[in-house]
Amino acid sequence: MNEKFYELSKDKQDTMINGALKIFAREGYQRASTDVIVKEAGISKGLLFHYFGNKKTLYCFVLEYSARYQMMEIGRDIKEREKNLFNRVRLTEGNKMRMLKRYPYLDLFLISASKEVDSEVEEEARKWSQAANDVCIELWKMADAALLRGNLTIDEAIDITMLCMEGYKNRMYNLCGDPEEVLGGFLPYLEILKRNFIR
């Protein structure tokens, strides 16, 4: 990658990043077209290749950038004293909503990266999407198991929450494709989980 990319204004960087995020999120690595990416980003193909050289370098850049950005922002304003698991999940999802203001396709891109099967980028995609996911899970594990009903453990409650969240997001991203609507739409389901699992 050409380091001159970082000399661009933040707005220009974000326009290129957002164009790539949107197309890679919707199409996956193999089917994503650099022609469509440059059209989405409003730049020339020559400029894209000047900064990134090829599609793989671009993909790996936005992958690492997205994962690091989420890992840095996901825990913002979550106090250690918040011990209710479902409140912690709601706060992390709220932080994702805030991130979408800057990078609308970040969440969908990281979800698609976790399922990427193209051998050219699969290993990197799994590594970075898992790293971003692990930070969320570590934040959730700080919850107090004593608040859960019955013999439910934090790990079990997190697994159930993750399964519900992943199922919901996969279905809704396929149906409507609007990242903000998808993230916000999960919150009522989170409240149902909270009512059923918290004492």
C-alpha atoms as a PDB file:
ATOM      1  CA  MET A   1       0.000   0.000   0.000  1.00  0.00           C
ATOM      2  CA  ASN A   2       1.146   3.527  -0.812  1.00  0.00           C
ATOM      3  CA  GLU A   3       1.627   5.534   2.399  1.00  0.00           C
ATOM      4  CA  LYS A   4       0.576   8.668   0.495  1.00  0.00           C
ATOM      5  CA  PHE A   5      -3.000   7.523   1.154  1.00  0.00           C
ATOM      6  CA  TYR A   6      -2.571   8.882   4.689  1.00  0.00           C
ATOM      7  CA  GLU A   7      -1.681  12.309   3.273  1.00  0.00           C
ATOM      8  CA  LEU A   8      -5.214  12.631   1.883  1.00  0.00           C
ATOM      9  CA  SER A   9      -7.778  14.511   3.950  1.00  0.00           C
ATOM     10  CA  LYS A  10      -9.727  12.306   6.373  1.00  0.00           C
ATOM     11  CA  ASP A  11     -12.878  12.939   4.325  1.00  0.00           C
ATOM     12  CA  LYS A  12     -11.225  11.619   1.153  1.00  0.00           C
ATOM     13  CA  GLN A  13      -9.815   8.605   2.997  1.00  0.00           C
ATOM     14  CA  ASP A  14     -13.241   7.819   4.447  1.00  0.00           C
ATOM     15  CA  THR A  15     -14.929   8.157   1.047  1.00  0.00           C
ATOM     16  CA  MET A  16     -12.579   5.520  -0.386  1.00  0.00           C
ATOM     17  CA  ILE A  17     -12.890   3.289   2.678  1.00  0.00           C
ATOM     18  CA  ASN A  18     -16.699   3.527   2.642  1.00  0.00           C
ATOM     19  CA  GLY A  19     -16.885   2.715  -1.063  1.00  0.00           C
ATOM     20  CA  ALA A  20     -14.793  -0.411  -0.519  1.00  0.00           C
ATOM     21  CA  LEU A  21     -16.661  -1.419   2.654  1.00  0.00           C
ATOM     22  CA  LYS A  22     -20.034  -1.215   0.928  1.00  0.00           C
ATOM     23  CA  ILE A  23     -19.104  -3.285  -2.106  1.00  0.00           C
ATOM     24  CA  PHE A  24     -17.021  -5.881  -0.244  1.00  0.00           C
ATOM     25  CA  ALA A  25     -19.786  -6.208   2.381  1.00  0.00           C
ATOM     26  CA  ARG A  26     -22.487  -6.788  -0.229  1.00  0.00           C
ATOM     27  CA  GLU A  27     -20.552  -8.858  -2.748  1.00  0.00           C
ATOM     28  CA  GLY A  28     -17.773 -10.607  -0.821  1.00  0.00           C
ATOM     29  CA  TYR A  29     -14.167 -10.518  -1.958  1.00  0.00           C
ATOM     30  CA  GLN A  30     -14.373 -12.547  -5.166  1.00  0.00           C
ATOM     31  CA  ARG A  31     -17.473 -10.910  -6.675  1.00  0.00           C
ATOM     32  CA  ALA A  32     -16.577  -7.349  -5.660  1.00  0.00           C
ATOM     33  CA  SER A  33     -15.624  -5.308  -8.705  1.00  0.00           C
ATOM     34  CA  THR A  34     -13.022  -2.566  -8.468  1.00  0.00           C
ATOM     35  CA  ASP A  35     -14.989  -0.758 -11.202  1.00  0.00           C
ATOM     36  CA  VAL A  36     -17.999  -0.619  -8.878  1.00  0.00           C
ATOM     37  CA  ILE A  37     -15.841   0.333  -5.881  1.00  0.00           C
ATOM     38  CA  VAL A  38     -14.313   3.333  -7.667  1.00  0.00           C
ATOM     39  CA  LYS A  39     -17.754   4.422  -8.877  1.00  0.00           C
ATOM     40  CA  GLU A  40     -19.091   4.166  -5.321  1.00  0.00           C
ATOM     41  CA  ALA A  41     -16.088   6.089  -3.960  1.00  0.00           C
ATOM     42  CA  GLY A  42     -16.236   8.705  -6.710  1.00  0.00           C
ATOM     43  CA  ILE A  43     -12.587   8.265  -7.728  1.00  0.00           C
ATOM     44  CA  SER A  44     -10.697   7.012 -10.766  1.00  0.00           C
ATOM     45  CA  LYS A  45      -9.516   3.428 -11.031  1.00  0.00           C
ATOM     46  CA  GLY A  46      -5.986   4.723 -11.553  1.00  0.00           C
ATOM     47  CA  LEU A  47      -6.118   6.512  -8.204  1.00  0.00           C
ATOM     48  CA  LEU A  48      -7.369   3.406  -6.414  1.00  0.00           C
ATOM     49  CA  PHE A  49      -4.500   1.344  -7.822  1.00  0.00           C
ATOM     50  CA  HIS A  50      -2.035   4.163  -7.115  1.00  0.00           C
ATOM     51  CA  TYR A  51      -2.829   3.860  -3.406  1.00  0.00           C
ATOM     52  CA  PHE A  52      -3.537   0.148  -3.065  1.00  0.00           C
ATOM     53  CA  GLY A  53      -1.972  -1.622  -6.039  1.00  0.00           C
ATOM     54  CA  ASN A  54      -4.602  -4.359  -6.315  1.00  0.00           C
ATOM     55  CA  LYS A  55      -7.939  -5.576  -4.973  1.00  0.00           C
ATOM     56  CA  LYS A  56      -6.394  -7.879  -2.369  1.00  0.00           C
ATOM     57  CA  THR A  57      -4.334  -5.077  -0.818  1.00  0.00           C
ATOM     58  CA  LEU A  58      -7.425  -2.862  -0.701  1.00  0.00           C
ATOM     59  CA  TYR A  59      -9.491  -5.622   0.911  1.00  0.00           C
ATOM     60  CA  CYS A  60      -6.842  -6.403   3.521  1.00  0.00           C
ATOM     61  CA  PHE A  61      -6.441  -2.704   4.292  1.00  0.00           C
ATOM     62  CA  VAL A  62     -10.158  -2.068   4.902  1.00  0.00           C
ATOM     63  CA  LEU A  63     -10.376  -5.342   6.823  1.00  0.00           C
ATOM     64  CA  GLU A  64      -7.630  -4.465   9.297  1.00  0.00           C
ATOM     65  CA  TYR A  65      -8.753  -0.831   9.456  1.00  0.00           C
ATOM     66  CA  SER A  66     -12.367  -1.811  10.234  1.00  0.00           C
ATOM     67  CA  ALA A  67     -11.444  -4.382  12.850  1.00  0.00           C
ATOM     68  CA  ARG A  68      -9.030  -2.023  14.617  1.00  0.00           C
ATOM     69  CA  TYR A  69     -11.549   0.822  14.505  1.00  0.00           C
ATOM     70  CA  GLN A  70     -14.273  -1.362  16.026  1.00  0.00           C
ATOM     71  CA  MET A  71     -11.910  -2.744  18.682  1.00  0.00           C
ATOM     72  CA  MET A  72     -10.985   0.808  19.655  1.00  0.00           C
ATOM     73  CA  GLU A  73     -14.535   2.221  19.715  1.00  0.00           C
ATOM     74  CA  ILE A  74     -16.712  -0.673  20.903  1.00  0.00           C
ATOM     75  CA  GLY A  75     -16.038  -0.239  24.624  1.00  0.00           C
ATOM     76  CA  ARG A  76     -16.523   3.528  24.696  1.00  0.00           C
ATOM     77  CA  ASP A  77     -18.533   4.722  27.721  1.00  0.00           C
ATOM     78  CA  ILE A  78     -19.145   1.197  29.048  1.00  0.00           C
ATOM     79  CA  LYS A  79     -18.498   1.406  32.777  1.00  0.00           C
ATOM     80  CA  GLU A  80     -16.987  -1.538  34.603  1.00  0.00           C
ATOM     81  CA  ARG A  81     -19.690  -1.225  37.257  1.00  0.00           C
ATOM     82  CA  GLU A  82     -22.386  -2.118  34.671  1.00  0.00           C
ATOM     83  CA  LYS A  83     -22.887  -5.785  35.562  1.00  0.00           C
ATOM     84  CA  ASN A  84     -26.057  -6.627  33.613  1.00  0.00           C
ATOM     85  CA  LEU A  85     -25.004  -8.637  30.551  1.00  0.00           C
ATOM     86  CA  PHE A  86     -27.844  -7.386  28.370  1.00  0.00           C
ATOM     87  CA  ASN A  87     -27.168  -3.749  29.259  1.00  0.00           C
ATOM     88  CA  ARG A  88     -23.549  -4.323  28.254  1.00  0.00           C
ATOM     89  CA  VAL A  89     -24.675  -5.855  24.937  1.00  0.00           C
ATOM     90  CA  ARG A  90     -27.041  -2.893  24.362  1.00  0.00           C
ATOM     91  CA  LEU A  91     -24.172  -0.453  25.013  1.00  0.00           C
ATOM     92  CA  THR A  92     -21.825  -2.215  22.571  1.00  0.00           C
ATOM     93  CA  GLU A  93     -24.571  -2.262  19.934  1.00  0.00           C
ATOM     94  CA  GLY A  94     -25.150   1.443  20.631  1.00  0.00           C
ATOM     95  CA  ASN A  95     -21.462   2.047  19.994  1.00  0.00           C
ATOM     96  CA  LYS A  96     -21.779   0.155  16.703  1.00  0.00           C
ATOM     97  CA  MET A  97     -24.672   2.469  15.785  1.00  0.00           C
ATOM     98  CA  ARG A  98     -22.415   5.448  16.470  1.00  0.00           C
ATOM     99  CA  MET A  99     -19.693   3.911  14.287  1.00  0.00           C
ATOM    100  CA  LEU A 100     -22.206   3.554  11.435  1.00  0.00           C
ATOM    101  CA  LYS A 101     -22.488   7.345  11.270  1.00  0.00           C
ATOM    102  CA  ARG A 102     -18.929   7.365   9.940  1.00  0.00           C
ATOM    103  CA  TYR A 103     -18.719   3.912   8.313  1.00  0.00           C
ATOM    104  CA  PRO A 104     -22.255   2.729   7.406  1.00  0.00           C
ATOM    105  CA  TYR A 105     -21.177  -0.728   6.197  1.00  0.00           C
ATOM    106  CA  LEU A 106     -18.584  -1.541   8.867  1.00  0.00           C
ATOM    107  CA  ASP A 107     -20.737  -4.047  10.786  1.00  0.00           C
ATOM    108  CA  LEU A 108     -21.997  -5.809   7.658  1.00  0.00           C
ATOM    109  CA  PHE A 109     -18.461  -5.930   6.256  1.00  0.00           C
ATOM    110  CA  LEU A 110     -17.059  -7.599   9.399  1.00  0.00           C
ATOM    111  CA  ILE A 111     -19.943 -10.095   9.363  1.00  0.00           C
ATOM    112  CA  SER A 112     -19.263 -10.920   5.706  1.00  0.00           C
ATOM    113  CA  ALA A 113     -15.514 -11.192   6.419  1.00  0.00           C
ATOM    114  CA  SER A 114     -16.215 -13.801   9.106  1.00  0.00           C
ATOM    115  CA  LYS A 115     -17.798 -15.968   6.365  1.00  0.00           C
ATOM    116  CA  GLU A 116     -15.321 -15.182   3.571  1.00  0.00           C
ATOM    117  CA  VAL A 117     -14.276 -18.337   1.691  1.00  0.00           C
ATOM    118  CA  ASP A 118     -11.977 -17.003  -1.030  1.00  0.00           C
ATOM    119  CA  SER A 119      -8.605 -18.628  -0.347  1.00  0.00           C
ATOM    120  CA  GLU A 120      -6.790 -15.436  -1.321  1.00  0.00           C
ATOM    121  CA  VAL A 121      -8.081 -13.566   1.762  1.00  0.00           C
ATOM    122  CA  GLU A 122      -9.917 -16.131   3.907  1.00  0.00           C
ATOM    123  CA  GLU A 123      -7.239 -16.452   6.606  1.00  0.00           C
ATOM    124  CA  GLU A 124      -6.846 -12.678   7.054  1.00  0.00           C
ATOM    125  CA  ALA A 125     -10.616 -12.185   6.975  1.00  0.00           C
ATOM    126  CA  ARG A 126     -11.215 -14.734   9.726  1.00  0.00           C
ATOM    127  CA  LYS A 127      -8.330 -13.419  11.843  1.00  0.00           C
ATOM    128  CA  TRP A 128      -9.464  -9.783  11.868  1.00  0.00           C
ATOM    129  CA  SER A 129     -13.224 -10.418  12.108  1.00  0.00           C
ATOM    130  CA  GLN A 130     -12.585 -12.779  15.037  1.00  0.00           C
ATOM    131  CA  ALA A 131     -10.322 -10.225  16.741  1.00  0.00           C
ATOM    132  CA  ALA A 132     -13.080  -7.595  16.523  1.00  0.00           C
ATOM    133  CA  ASN A 133     -15.666 -10.083  17.810  1.00  0.00           C
ATOM    134  CA  ASP A 134     -13.449 -11.194  20.702  1.00  0.00           C
ATOM    135  CA  VAL A 135     -13.261  -7.638  22.058  1.00  0.00           C
ATOM    136  CA  CYS A 136     -17.085  -7.537  22.263  1.00  0.00           C
ATOM    137  CA  ILE A 137     -17.218 -10.877  24.014  1.00  0.00           C
ATOM    138  CA  GLU A 138     -14.570  -9.826  26.559  1.00  0.00           C
ATOM    139  CA  LEU A 139     -16.653  -6.742  27.379  1.00  0.00           C
ATOM    140  CA  TRP A 140     -19.728  -8.920  27.851  1.00  0.00           C
ATOM    141  CA  LYS A 141     -17.875 -11.408  30.061  1.00  0.00           C
ATOM    142  CA  MET A 142     -17.380  -8.639  32.642  1.00  0.00           C
ATOM    143  CA  ALA A 143     -21.087  -9.032  33.497  1.00  0.00           C
ATOM    144  CA  ASP A 144     -22.169 -10.643  36.765  1.00  0.00           C
ATOM    145  CA  ALA A 145     -23.437 -14.224  36.414  1.00  0.00           C
ATOM    146  CA  ALA A 146     -25.305 -13.833  39.721  1.00  0.00           C
ATOM    147  CA  LEU A 147     -27.843 -11.638  37.910  1.00  0.00           C
ATOM    148  CA  LEU A 148     -28.806 -14.495  35.569  1.00  0.00           C
ATOM    149  CA  ARG A 149     -31.734 -16.818  36.261  1.00  0.00           C
ATOM    150  CA  GLY A 150     -31.251 -20.427  37.295  1.00  0.00           C
ATOM    151  CA  ASN A 151     -27.907 -22.037  36.587  1.00  0.00           C
ATOM    152  CA  LEU A 152     -27.280 -20.107  33.380  1.00  0.00           C
ATOM    153  CA  THR A 153     -23.622 -19.139  33.003  1.00  0.00           C
ATOM    154  CA  ILE A 154     -22.296 -15.965  31.391  1.00  0.00           C
ATOM    155  CA  ASP A 155     -20.813 -18.055  28.563  1.00  0.00           C
ATOM    156  CA  GLU A 156     -24.170 -19.738  27.900  1.00  0.00           C
ATOM    157  CA  ALA A 157     -26.030 -16.420  27.975  1.00  0.00           C
ATOM    158  CA  ILE A 158     -23.474 -14.899  25.584  1.00  0.00           C
ATOM    159  CA  ASP A 159     -23.786 -17.896  23.228  1.00  0.00           C
ATOM    160  CA  ILE A 160     -27.585 -17.593  23.164  1.00  0.00           C
ATOM    161  CA  THR A 161     -27.366 -13.832  22.594  1.00  0.00           C
ATOM    162  CA  MET A 162     -24.799 -14.262  19.809  1.00  0.00           C
ATOM    163  CA  LEU A 163     -26.915 -16.907  18.052  1.00  0.00           C
ATOM    164  CA  CYS A 164     -29.995 -14.670  18.195  1.00  0.00           C
ATOM    165  CA  MET A 165     -28.040 -11.612  17.057  1.00  0.00           C
ATOM    166  CA  GLU A 166     -26.290 -13.401  14.186  1.00  0.00           C
ATOM    167  CA  GLY A 167     -29.516 -15.019  12.995  1.00  0.00           C
ATOM    168  CA  TYR A 168     -31.370 -11.710  13.135  1.00  0.00           C
ATOM    169  CA  LYS A 169     -28.619  -9.753  11.369  1.00  0.00           C
ATOM    170  CA  ASN A 170     -28.147 -12.352   8.628  1.00  0.00           C
ATOM    171  CA  ARG A 171     -31.867 -12.412   7.881  1.00  0.00           C
ATOM    172  CA  MET A 172     -32.363  -8.657   8.046  1.00  0.00           C
ATOM    173  CA  TYR A 173     -29.269  -7.694   6.049  1.00  0.00           C
ATOM    174  CA  ASN A 174     -30.587  -9.973   3.287  1.00  0.00           C
ATOM    175  CA  LEU A 175     -34.069  -8.446   3.490  1.00  0.00           C
ATOM    176  CA  CYS A 176     -33.447  -4.721   3.840  1.00  0.00           C
ATOM    177  CA  GLY A 177     -29.693  -4.105   3.624  1.00  0.00           C
ATOM    178  CA  ASP A 178     -29.869  -0.903   5.720  1.00  0.00           C
ATOM    179  CA  PRO A 179     -27.182  -1.303   8.417  1.00  0.00           C
ATOM    180  CA  GLU A 180     -28.662   1.272  10.797  1.00  0.00           C
ATOM    181  CA  GLU A 181     -32.136  -0.246  10.584  1.00  0.00           C
ATOM    182  CA  VAL A 182     -30.716  -3.732  11.168  1.00  0.00           C
ATOM    183  CA  LEU A 183     -28.699  -2.783  14.249  1.00  0.00           C
ATOM    184  CA  GLY A 184     -31.498  -0.724  15.772  1.00  0.00           C
ATOM    185  CA  GLY A 185     -34.053  -3.414  15.025  1.00  0.00           C
ATOM    186  CA  PHE A 186     -32.306  -5.967  17.224  1.00  0.00           C
ATOM    187  CA  LEU A 187     -32.743  -3.945  20.428  1.00  0.00           C
ATOM    188  CA  PRO A 188     -36.369  -5.064  21.113  1.00  0.00           C
ATOM    189  CA  TYR A 189     -35.224  -8.702  20.849  1.00  0.00           C
ATOM    190  CA  LEU A 190     -32.419  -7.940  23.268  1.00  0.00           C
ATOM    191  CA  GLU A 191     -35.022  -6.677  25.750  1.00  0.00           C
ATOM    192  CA  ILE A 192     -36.897  -9.983  25.425  1.00  0.00           C
ATOM    193  CA  LEU A 193     -33.699 -11.881  26.248  1.00  0.00           C
ATOM    194  CA  LYS A 194     -33.084  -9.571  29.196  1.00  0.00           C
ATOM    195  CA  ARG A 195     -36.592 -10.105  30.615  1.00  0.00           C
ATOM    196  CA  ASN A 196     -36.245 -13.869  30.344  1.00  0.00           C
ATOM    197  CA  PHE A 197     -32.687 -14.315  31.584  1.00  0.00           C
ATOM    198  CA  ILE A 198     -32.201 -11.628  34.264  1.00  0.00           C
ATOM    199  CA  ARG A 199     -33.557 -12.082  37.791  1.00  0.00           C
END
